Amino acid sequence: NNTNEGFYRSSAGDCEDQVSGSSNQGYDTEIDPETGKAVSDGTPYAWTGSSRSYRQNETSDERDAMFFALQYQPSADWDVNFDAQISDRTQQEARHDLIFLQKRATPGVTGPTLVTNDVGGILHWEGEERIESAGEQFSREENYQGYGINIEHTVTDRLTVDLDLAYSKTEREELQISNRGRTSGRNFFSWDMGDEIPHFTLTDFDVTDISNFTDSLRTRLDRENVRENEVISARLDFDYALDGNVFTSVQGGIRTSEMTFLQYGGSQGNGSRNEFTLDSGTEALDVLQGCQIDFPESGFLSSVSDGDIVTNVDSDGNVVDSGTGSSWATYDNVCFSQAVAGSNADGVFAYPEVEYENAGTIDVTEKTTSVYLMANYDTEMFGKFIRGNFGLRIVDTEVTSIGFRNSF
């Protein structure tokens, strides 16, 4: 029952922070030289995340592709083949989250009522914390184009030449909107671990009433993982037939390829972010009500829940129908983001740009050249057939990596 830190701390605050001492202390795993054990060895503990949440997801995956192939044989000595592929893939998700923060301990409540299993997993939690209705709009687009041509020519009865050229390019980009609306104060709630998922009980709080989430409206727009991957390759081979009792043919050729991988950097390392909070001159409730949508799914989590995932009770413990069930107040993510960004004098709803000259940029080029010469043999020795090949191959690979560092 340590009142300086943990769930029994004497003042409200994060359970990992000490009332008098350091922050983010948590379980001290430093070895005590006198005991040879962790400093906090033997201290009761519980594993807790910063929040518990439910997520409702709407997903789509669209793929479009076009293939083309052409063969041309002007004579018996020539065979020309051309093929191409162009394809687009777009993955999209609309996410709606109900988030209960839970790292904050409430004196006289969280510690005494806490129930855990024998390995520190929480089974019952009580306290006062903020509740959020959050949302994300995510998309990943991938564009591919590839082309190839193969030309085979029989020069003579003995000599065949084969040329192959290929090109491919893949472009990828991820866009994401992250929104938040939360309660203005800390509400009392508790949760119990069911057979598979937690179930929450709230006191005089209706999660389906969007007017309860009018504090600290914020939106973030991210463009990240913008990548380009390009491959150019060529090969030229010949096959010359021999008229011998041992060696049947000689083969040789040259191959060359260049692969480039480029990922653009930005203000967030592998991408860039624009962030806006709601301007004080705009009413939060107007934004929320203007963008509110019906909860997108019926019977949410019914296959794993033990009934209602959220129960609203009054101060006497009586169940209140409004706010009890398996849904919460949700909004259109794009509408919300546009409204919050637009409330700022210089705010424009737009995904940020990425840049090449940035510490987060990855630029790698690999060039490979190889040549080979090979002899094939097929003969008989001591009544046994012997066939195979031997030869020489030389490969040269050159890798160039370009990066940028921040100024000192």
Protein backbone atom coordinates (compact mmCIF):
# COMPACT_ATOMS: atom_id res chain seq x y z
CA ASN A 1 0.00 0.00 0.00
CA ASN A 2 2.68 2.49 -1.08
CA THR A 3 1.05 5.95 -1.05
CA ASN A 4 3.95 7.56 -2.93
CA GLU A 5 3.37 5.73 -6.21
CA GLY A 6 1.24 3.14 -7.91
CA PHE A 7 -2.50 2.61 -7.58
CA TYR A 8 -2.50 3.56 -3.87
CA ARG A 9 -0.82 6.94 -4.32
CA SER A 10 -2.11 9.65 -1.95
CA SER A 11 -2.94 12.19 -4.67
CA ALA A 12 -4.53 11.77 -8.07
CA GLY A 13 -2.07 11.21 -10.90
CA ASP A 14 -0.43 8.69 -13.20
CA CYS A 15 0.19 5.43 -11.40
CA GLU A 16 3.76 5.29 -12.74
CA ASP A 17 4.63 8.75 -11.32
CA GLN A 18 5.80 9.24 -7.75
CA VAL A 19 4.01 11.81 -5.57
CA SER A 20 7.41 12.84 -4.25
CA GLY A 21 10.16 11.78 -6.60
CA SER A 22 10.55 10.96 -10.26
CA SER A 23 8.04 10.56 -13.06
CA ASN A 24 7.57 7.42 -15.15
CA GLN A 25 9.17 5.39 -12.38
CA GLY A 26 7.02 2.28 -12.44
CA TYR A 27 8.46 -1.02 -11.26
CA ASP A 28 12.16 -0.50 -10.46
CA THR A 29 14.08 -3.34 -12.12
CA GLU A 30 17.53 -2.08 -11.14
CA ILE A 31 19.45 -4.76 -9.25
CA ASP A 32 20.02 -4.16 -5.55
CA PRO A 33 23.66 -5.22 -4.92
CA GLU A 34 22.83 -6.33 -1.38
CA THR A 35 20.07 -8.75 -2.39
CA GLY A 36 20.96 -9.47 -6.00
CA LYS A 37 17.32 -8.87 -6.90
CA ALA A 38 15.35 -6.01 -8.41
CA VAL A 39 14.82 -3.06 -6.07
CA SER A 40 11.04 -3.53 -6.37
CA ASP A 41 11.21 -7.31 -5.97
CA GLY A 42 8.29 -8.56 -3.91
CA THR A 43 6.21 -5.43 -4.46
CA PRO A 44 2.68 -6.24 -5.68
CA TYR A 45 2.18 -5.04 -9.25
CA ALA A 46 -0.42 -4.78 -11.99
CA TRP A 47 -0.05 -4.31 -15.73
CA THR A 48 -1.96 -1.34 -17.09
CA GLY A 49 -1.98 0.47 -20.40
CA SER A 50 -2.64 4.18 -20.71
CA SER A 51 -6.18 3.45 -21.91
CA ARG A 52 -8.81 0.87 -22.81
CA SER A 53 -10.77 1.30 -25.99
CA TYR A 54 -13.24 -0.14 -28.45
CA ARG A 55 -12.78 0.30 -32.21
CA GLN A 56 -15.44 -0.04 -34.90
CA ASN A 57 -13.92 -0.43 -38.35
CA GLU A 58 -15.27 0.03 -41.86
CA THR A 59 -12.87 -1.35 -44.45
CA SER A 60 -12.62 -1.54 -48.21
CA ASP A 61 -10.01 -2.98 -50.56
CA GLU A 62 -10.26 -2.14 -54.24
CA ARG A 63 -7.96 -3.59 -56.89
CA ASP A 64 -7.94 -2.73 -60.58
CA ALA A 65 -5.54 -4.28 -63.05
CA MET A 66 -4.97 -4.42 -66.79
CA PHE A 67 -2.81 -7.00 -68.56
CA PHE A 68 -1.63 -6.99 -72.15
CA ALA A 69 0.41 -9.54 -74.12
CA LEU A 70 1.47 -9.58 -77.77
CA GLN A 71 3.44 -12.12 -79.78
CA TYR A 72 4.89 -11.39 -83.22
CA GLN A 73 6.66 -13.94 -85.45
CA PRO A 74 7.61 -12.34 -88.78
CA SER A 75 9.43 -15.53 -89.78
CA ALA A 76 10.53 -18.85 -88.39
CA ASP A 77 13.79 -17.23 -87.27
CA TRP A 78 12.21 -14.49 -85.17
CA ASP A 79 9.99 -14.63 -82.08
CA VAL A 80 9.01 -11.36 -80.39
CA ASN A 81 6.94 -11.24 -77.17
CA PHE A 82 5.74 -8.11 -75.38
CA ASP A 83 3.75 -7.95 -72.15
CA ALA A 84 2.57 -5.22 -69.79
CA GLN A 85 0.71 -4.83 -66.51
CA ILE A 86 -0.80 -1.72 -64.95
CA SER A 87 -2.55 -2.08 -61.60
CA ASP A 88 -3.88 0.07 -58.77
CA ARG A 89 -4.77 -0.99 -55.25
CA THR A 90 -6.52 1.20 -52.69
CA GLN A 91 -7.11 0.13 -49.09
CA GLN A 92 -9.34 2.33 -46.94
CA GLU A 93 -10.49 2.26 -43.34
CA ALA A 94 -12.90 4.45 -41.39
CA ARG A 95 -12.19 3.91 -37.69
CA HIS A 96 -14.39 5.00 -34.79
CA ASP A 97 -12.94 4.67 -31.28
CA LEU A 98 -14.38 4.94 -27.78
CA ILE A 99 -11.42 5.47 -25.46
CA PHE A 100 -11.31 5.28 -21.67
CA LEU A 101 -8.08 6.64 -20.20
CA GLN A 102 -6.99 4.61 -17.17
CA LYS A 103 -3.41 5.33 -16.15
CA ARG A 104 -4.53 7.93 -13.60
CA ALA A 105 -5.11 6.60 -10.09
CA THR A 106 -7.94 8.03 -7.95
CA PRO A 107 -6.97 8.12 -4.22
CA GLY A 108 -9.05 5.83 -2.04
CA VAL A 109 -10.74 4.25 -5.06
CA THR A 110 -8.43 2.73 -7.67
CA GLY A 111 -6.09 0.88 -5.30
CA PRO A 112 -8.58 -0.59 -2.79
CA THR A 113 -10.98 -1.80 -5.53
CA LEU A 114 -8.34 -3.14 -7.93
CA VAL A 115 -8.65 -6.84 -8.79
CA THR A 116 -5.88 -8.70 -10.63
CA ASN A 117 -5.01 -12.25 -11.55
CA ASP A 118 -1.89 -14.03 -10.33
CA VAL A 119 0.32 -12.50 -13.05
CA GLY A 120 -0.79 -8.88 -12.59
CA GLY A 121 -3.45 -8.72 -15.28
CA ILE A 122 -6.26 -6.36 -14.26
CA LEU A 123 -9.74 -7.89 -13.91
CA HIS A 124 -11.53 -4.93 -12.30
CA TRP A 125 -10.64 -1.22 -12.33
CA GLU A 126 -12.33 1.90 -10.92
CA GLY A 127 -11.46 5.57 -11.08
CA GLU A 128 -12.07 9.00 -12.56
CA GLU A 129 -10.64 9.71 -16.01
CA ARG A 130 -11.42 11.32 -19.33
CA ILE A 131 -13.42 9.56 -22.04
CA GLU A 132 -12.82 10.21 -25.75
CA SER A 133 -14.73 9.72 -28.98
CA ALA A 134 -11.94 9.51 -31.53
CA GLY A 135 -11.71 8.59 -35.18
CA GLU A 136 -9.27 7.87 -37.98
CA GLN A 137 -9.57 7.85 -41.76
CA PHE A 138 -6.82 5.80 -43.37
CA SER A 139 -5.95 5.04 -46.97
CA ARG A 140 -3.05 3.28 -48.65
CA GLU A 141 -2.68 3.53 -52.42
CA GLU A 142 -0.28 1.44 -54.46
CA ASN A 143 0.28 1.90 -58.18
CA TYR A 144 2.26 -0.57 -60.27
CA GLN A 145 3.34 -0.61 -63.88
CA GLY A 146 5.56 -3.18 -65.53
CA TYR A 147 6.67 -3.81 -69.11
CA GLY A 148 8.81 -6.44 -70.77
CA ILE A 149 9.95 -7.45 -74.24
CA ASN A 150 11.72 -10.62 -75.30
CA ILE A 151 13.30 -11.13 -78.71
CA GLU A 152 14.65 -14.51 -79.77
CA HIS A 153 16.49 -14.84 -83.09
CA THR A 154 17.90 -17.93 -84.75
CA VAL A 155 20.95 -16.53 -86.53
CA THR A 156 22.12 -19.83 -88.02
CA ASP A 157 21.36 -23.48 -87.50
CA ARG A 158 23.90 -23.44 -84.68
CA LEU A 159 23.55 -19.95 -83.14
CA THR A 160 20.56 -18.56 -81.23
CA VAL A 161 20.48 -15.12 -79.61
CA ASP A 162 17.98 -14.08 -76.91
CA LEU A 163 17.41 -10.48 -75.74
CA ASP A 164 15.17 -9.53 -72.80
CA LEU A 165 14.37 -6.01 -71.55
CA ALA A 166 12.16 -5.25 -68.52
CA TYR A 167 10.97 -2.28 -66.51
CA SER A 168 8.79 -2.00 -63.41
CA LYS A 169 7.82 0.78 -61.02
CA THR A 170 5.80 0.70 -57.81
CA GLU A 171 4.56 3.84 -56.06
CA ARG A 172 2.99 3.78 -52.60
CA GLU A 173 1.48 6.40 -50.32
CA GLU A 174 -0.37 6.39 -47.01
CA LEU A 175 -2.75 9.15 -45.87
CA GLN A 176 -4.33 9.33 -42.44
CA ILE A 177 -6.66 11.63 -40.52
CA SER A 178 -6.66 11.32 -36.70
CA ASN A 179 -9.41 13.10 -34.74
CA ARG A 180 -10.22 13.57 -31.09
CA GLY A 181 -13.10 14.91 -29.03
CA ARG A 182 -13.16 14.29 -25.29
CA THR A 183 -14.92 15.07 -22.04
CA SER A 184 -14.21 18.38 -20.34
CA GLY A 185 -13.79 16.70 -16.97
CA ARG A 186 -12.96 13.33 -15.49
CA ASN A 187 -15.88 10.98 -15.14
CA PHE A 188 -16.21 8.05 -12.77
CA PHE A 189 -16.33 4.64 -14.40
CA SER A 190 -15.30 1.06 -13.79
CA TRP A 191 -14.71 -1.97 -15.92
CA ASP A 192 -14.74 -5.71 -15.43
CA MET A 193 -13.04 -8.32 -17.55
CA GLY A 194 -15.62 -10.60 -19.14
CA ASP A 195 -14.96 -13.98 -20.67
CA GLU A 196 -13.16 -12.31 -23.59
CA ILE A 197 -13.38 -8.49 -23.46
CA PRO A 198 -13.83 -5.75 -20.82
CA HIS A 199 -17.28 -4.31 -20.04
CA PHE A 200 -17.66 -0.76 -18.70
CA THR A 201 -20.04 0.76 -16.16
CA LEU A 202 -20.41 4.55 -16.19
CA THR A 203 -22.17 6.78 -13.68
CA ASP A 204 -24.53 9.38 -15.18
CA PHE A 205 -22.68 9.48 -18.49
CA ASP A 206 -24.27 8.76 -21.87
CA VAL A 207 -21.66 7.72 -24.46
CA THR A 208 -24.25 8.07 -27.24
CA ASP A 209 -24.70 11.81 -26.52
CA ILE A 210 -22.21 13.64 -28.72
CA SER A 211 -22.48 16.79 -26.60
CA ASN A 212 -20.41 14.98 -23.95
CA PHE A 213 -17.27 15.11 -26.13
CA THR A 214 -16.88 18.84 -26.80
CA ASP A 215 -13.49 19.42 -25.16
CA SER A 216 -10.11 19.83 -26.91
CA LEU A 217 -11.21 19.02 -30.46
CA ARG A 218 -8.14 18.19 -32.52
CA THR A 219 -7.28 16.79 -35.93
CA ARG A 220 -4.05 15.55 -37.47
CA LEU A 221 -3.38 14.96 -41.16
CA ASP A 222 -0.47 12.66 -42.00
CA ARG A 223 1.19 11.77 -45.28
CA GLU A 224 3.73 9.00 -44.73
CA ASN A 225 5.53 6.03 -46.24
CA VAL A 226 5.67 7.71 -49.66
CA ARG A 227 7.79 5.25 -51.61
CA GLU A 228 9.02 4.68 -55.13
CA ASN A 229 10.62 1.40 -56.18
CA GLU A 230 11.95 1.11 -59.74
CA VAL A 231 13.71 -1.78 -61.46
CA ILE A 232 15.30 -1.70 -64.92
CA SER A 233 16.94 -4.85 -66.27
CA ALA A 234 18.37 -6.31 -69.46
CA ARG A 235 19.94 -9.57 -70.51
CA LEU A 236 21.54 -10.88 -73.70
CA ASP A 237 22.26 -14.60 -74.13
CA PHE A 238 23.60 -16.78 -76.89
CA ASP A 239 23.59 -20.52 -77.44
CA TYR A 240 26.04 -21.97 -79.96
CA ALA A 241 25.72 -25.67 -80.83
CA LEU A 242 28.92 -27.68 -81.35
CA ASP A 243 29.45 -30.73 -83.47
CA GLY A 244 31.58 -32.78 -81.12
CA ASN A 245 31.62 -36.09 -79.30
CA VAL A 246 32.03 -34.50 -75.86
CA PHE A 247 31.03 -30.85 -75.89
CA THR A 248 27.56 -30.17 -77.26
CA SER A 249 27.21 -26.40 -76.95
CA VAL A 250 28.59 -23.17 -75.57
CA GLN A 251 26.39 -20.65 -73.82
CA GLY A 252 27.15 -17.15 -72.65
CA GLY A 253 25.60 -13.86 -71.86
CA ILE A 254 25.50 -10.62 -69.96
CA ARG A 255 22.99 -9.28 -67.47
CA THR A 256 22.58 -5.83 -66.01
CA SER A 257 20.02 -4.33 -63.66
CA GLU A 258 19.42 -1.21 -61.61
CA MET A 259 17.08 -1.10 -58.64
CA THR A 260 16.22 2.14 -56.85
CA PHE A 261 14.26 2.50 -53.62
CA LEU A 262 13.23 5.96 -52.44
CA GLN A 263 11.21 6.84 -49.36
CA TYR A 264 10.60 10.53 -48.76
CA GLY A 265 11.07 12.11 -45.35
CA GLY A 266 9.20 14.85 -43.54
CA SER A 267 8.51 16.49 -40.22
CA GLN A 268 7.65 13.11 -38.63
CA GLY A 269 10.61 11.17 -39.97
CA ASN A 270 8.98 8.89 -42.53
CA GLY A 271 6.34 11.50 -43.37
CA SER A 272 4.83 14.88 -42.52
CA ARG A 273 1.97 16.08 -40.32
CA ASN A 274 -0.42 19.02 -40.18
CA GLU A 275 -2.14 19.48 -36.82
CA PHE A 276 -5.06 21.74 -35.93
CA THR A 277 -7.06 22.42 -32.79
CA LEU A 278 -10.48 24.01 -32.83
CA ASP A 279 -10.38 27.80 -32.86
CA SER A 280 -11.96 29.38 -29.78
CA GLY A 281 -14.39 31.30 -31.98
CA THR A 282 -16.05 28.10 -33.20
CA GLU A 283 -18.51 26.13 -31.10
CA ALA A 284 -17.37 22.54 -30.63
CA LEU A 285 -20.94 21.27 -30.43
CA ASP A 286 -21.72 22.80 -33.84
CA VAL A 287 -18.83 20.86 -35.36
CA LEU A 288 -19.79 17.59 -33.70
CA GLN A 289 -23.49 17.82 -34.50
CA GLY A 290 -22.78 18.92 -38.07
CA CYS A 291 -20.61 15.86 -38.68
CA GLN A 292 -22.44 13.30 -36.52
CA ILE A 293 -23.37 9.98 -38.11
CA ASP A 294 -25.34 6.98 -36.92
CA PHE A 295 -23.25 4.26 -35.36
CA PRO A 296 -22.15 2.24 -38.42
CA GLU A 297 -22.74 -1.28 -37.07
CA SER A 298 -25.48 -3.19 -35.30
CA GLY A 299 -24.61 -5.94 -32.84
CA PHE A 300 -21.10 -4.58 -32.36
CA LEU A 301 -18.86 -7.21 -30.67
CA SER A 302 -21.90 -9.38 -29.95
CA SER A 303 -19.93 -12.55 -30.69
CA VAL A 304 -17.40 -11.92 -27.90
CA SER A 305 -19.24 -9.75 -25.35
CA ASP A 306 -21.23 -10.91 -22.33
CA GLY A 307 -24.04 -8.47 -23.12
CA ASP A 308 -23.88 -4.68 -23.25
CA ILE A 309 -20.30 -3.44 -23.51
CA VAL A 310 -21.29 -0.16 -21.80
CA THR A 311 -23.82 0.25 -18.99
CA ASN A 312 -24.97 3.68 -17.82
CA VAL A 313 -26.22 3.86 -14.21
CA ASP A 314 -27.51 6.71 -12.07
CA SER A 315 -26.14 7.71 -8.67
CA ASP A 316 -28.29 5.01 -7.03
CA GLY A 317 -26.99 2.28 -9.32
CA ASN A 318 -30.11 1.99 -11.44
CA VAL A 319 -29.52 1.23 -15.12
CA VAL A 320 -30.27 4.11 -17.49
CA ASP A 321 -31.37 2.98 -20.95
CA SER A 322 -29.78 5.92 -22.76
CA GLY A 323 -26.08 5.19 -22.96
CA THR A 324 -26.46 1.48 -22.24
CA GLY A 325 -25.67 -0.82 -25.13
CA SER A 326 -22.96 -1.49 -27.69
CA SER A 327 -22.60 1.82 -29.52
CA TRP A 328 -21.42 5.38 -28.94
CA ALA A 329 -21.55 8.83 -30.54
CA THR A 330 -19.61 8.86 -33.82
CA TYR A 331 -18.92 11.37 -36.58
CA ASP A 332 -17.70 11.48 -40.17
CA ASN A 333 -13.92 11.71 -39.89
CA VAL A 334 -13.33 13.81 -43.01
CA CYS A 335 -16.11 16.24 -42.11
CA PHE A 336 -14.72 16.64 -38.58
CA SER A 337 -11.18 17.26 -39.84
CA GLN A 338 -12.31 19.79 -42.44
CA ALA A 339 -14.33 21.69 -39.85
CA VAL A 340 -11.55 21.82 -37.25
CA ALA A 341 -8.89 22.81 -39.79
CA GLY A 342 -11.19 25.40 -41.36
CA SER A 343 -11.91 27.04 -38.01
CA ASN A 344 -8.36 28.41 -37.94
CA ALA A 345 -7.63 31.69 -39.70
CA ASP A 346 -4.82 30.14 -41.74
CA GLY A 347 -6.13 26.61 -41.59
CA VAL A 348 -6.53 24.70 -44.83
CA PHE A 349 -7.64 21.08 -44.95
CA ALA A 350 -4.74 19.54 -46.88
CA TYR A 351 -2.33 16.69 -46.42
CA PRO A 352 1.23 17.94 -45.90
CA GLU A 353 3.98 17.52 -48.46
CA VAL A 354 6.98 15.27 -48.02
CA GLU A 355 10.46 16.22 -49.17
CA TYR A 356 13.61 14.66 -50.52
CA GLU A 357 16.23 16.65 -48.61
CA ASN A 358 15.21 15.40 -45.18
CA ALA A 359 16.80 13.28 -42.46
CA GLY A 360 13.96 10.79 -42.82
CA THR A 361 14.64 10.14 -46.51
CA ILE A 362 15.92 6.73 -47.61
CA ASP A 363 17.51 6.60 -51.08
CA VAL A 364 19.21 3.36 -52.13
CA THR A 365 20.40 2.36 -55.61
CA GLU A 366 21.75 -1.09 -56.44
CA LYS A 367 23.46 -1.75 -59.77
CA THR A 368 24.39 -5.29 -60.75
CA THR A 369 26.29 -6.48 -63.83
CA SER A 370 27.23 -10.07 -64.56
CA VAL A 371 28.72 -12.07 -67.43
CA TYR A 372 29.00 -15.81 -67.85
CA LEU A 373 30.41 -18.39 -70.24
CA MET A 374 29.42 -22.05 -69.96
CA ALA A 375 30.20 -25.25 -71.85
CA ASN A 376 27.78 -28.20 -71.94
CA TYR A 377 29.02 -31.76 -72.37
CA ASP A 378 27.31 -35.08 -73.02
CA THR A 379 29.41 -38.23 -73.47
CA GLU A 380 29.89 -41.81 -72.39
CA MET A 381 32.73 -43.14 -70.27
CA PHE A 382 33.25 -46.64 -68.90
CA GLY A 383 29.77 -47.56 -70.00
CA LYS A 384 28.22 -44.66 -68.11
CA PHE A 385 26.53 -41.61 -69.57
CA ILE A 386 28.06 -38.37 -68.32
CA ARG A 387 26.45 -35.03 -68.94
CA GLY A 388 26.67 -31.60 -67.31
CA ASN A 389 28.28 -28.22 -67.67
CA PHE A 390 31.05 -26.03 -66.32
CA GLY A 391 31.87 -22.39 -66.76
CA LEU A 392 32.77 -19.03 -65.35
CA ARG A 393 30.57 -16.28 -63.97
CA ILE A 394 31.61 -12.80 -62.86
CA VAL A 395 29.24 -10.60 -60.85
CA ASP A 396 29.74 -6.98 -59.85
CA THR A 397 27.31 -5.23 -57.49
CA GLU A 398 27.45 -1.57 -56.54
CA VAL A 399 25.20 -0.15 -53.81
CA THR A 400 24.79 3.59 -53.27
CA SER A 401 22.90 4.96 -50.28
CA ILE A 402 22.12 8.66 -49.90
CA GLY A 403 21.01 10.15 -46.61
CA PHE A 404 20.69 13.53 -44.96
CA ARG A 405 21.43 14.58 -41.40
CA ASN A 406 20.05 17.44 -39.40
CA SER A 407 22.17 20.49 -38.71
CA PHE A 408 24.03 20.65 -35.41
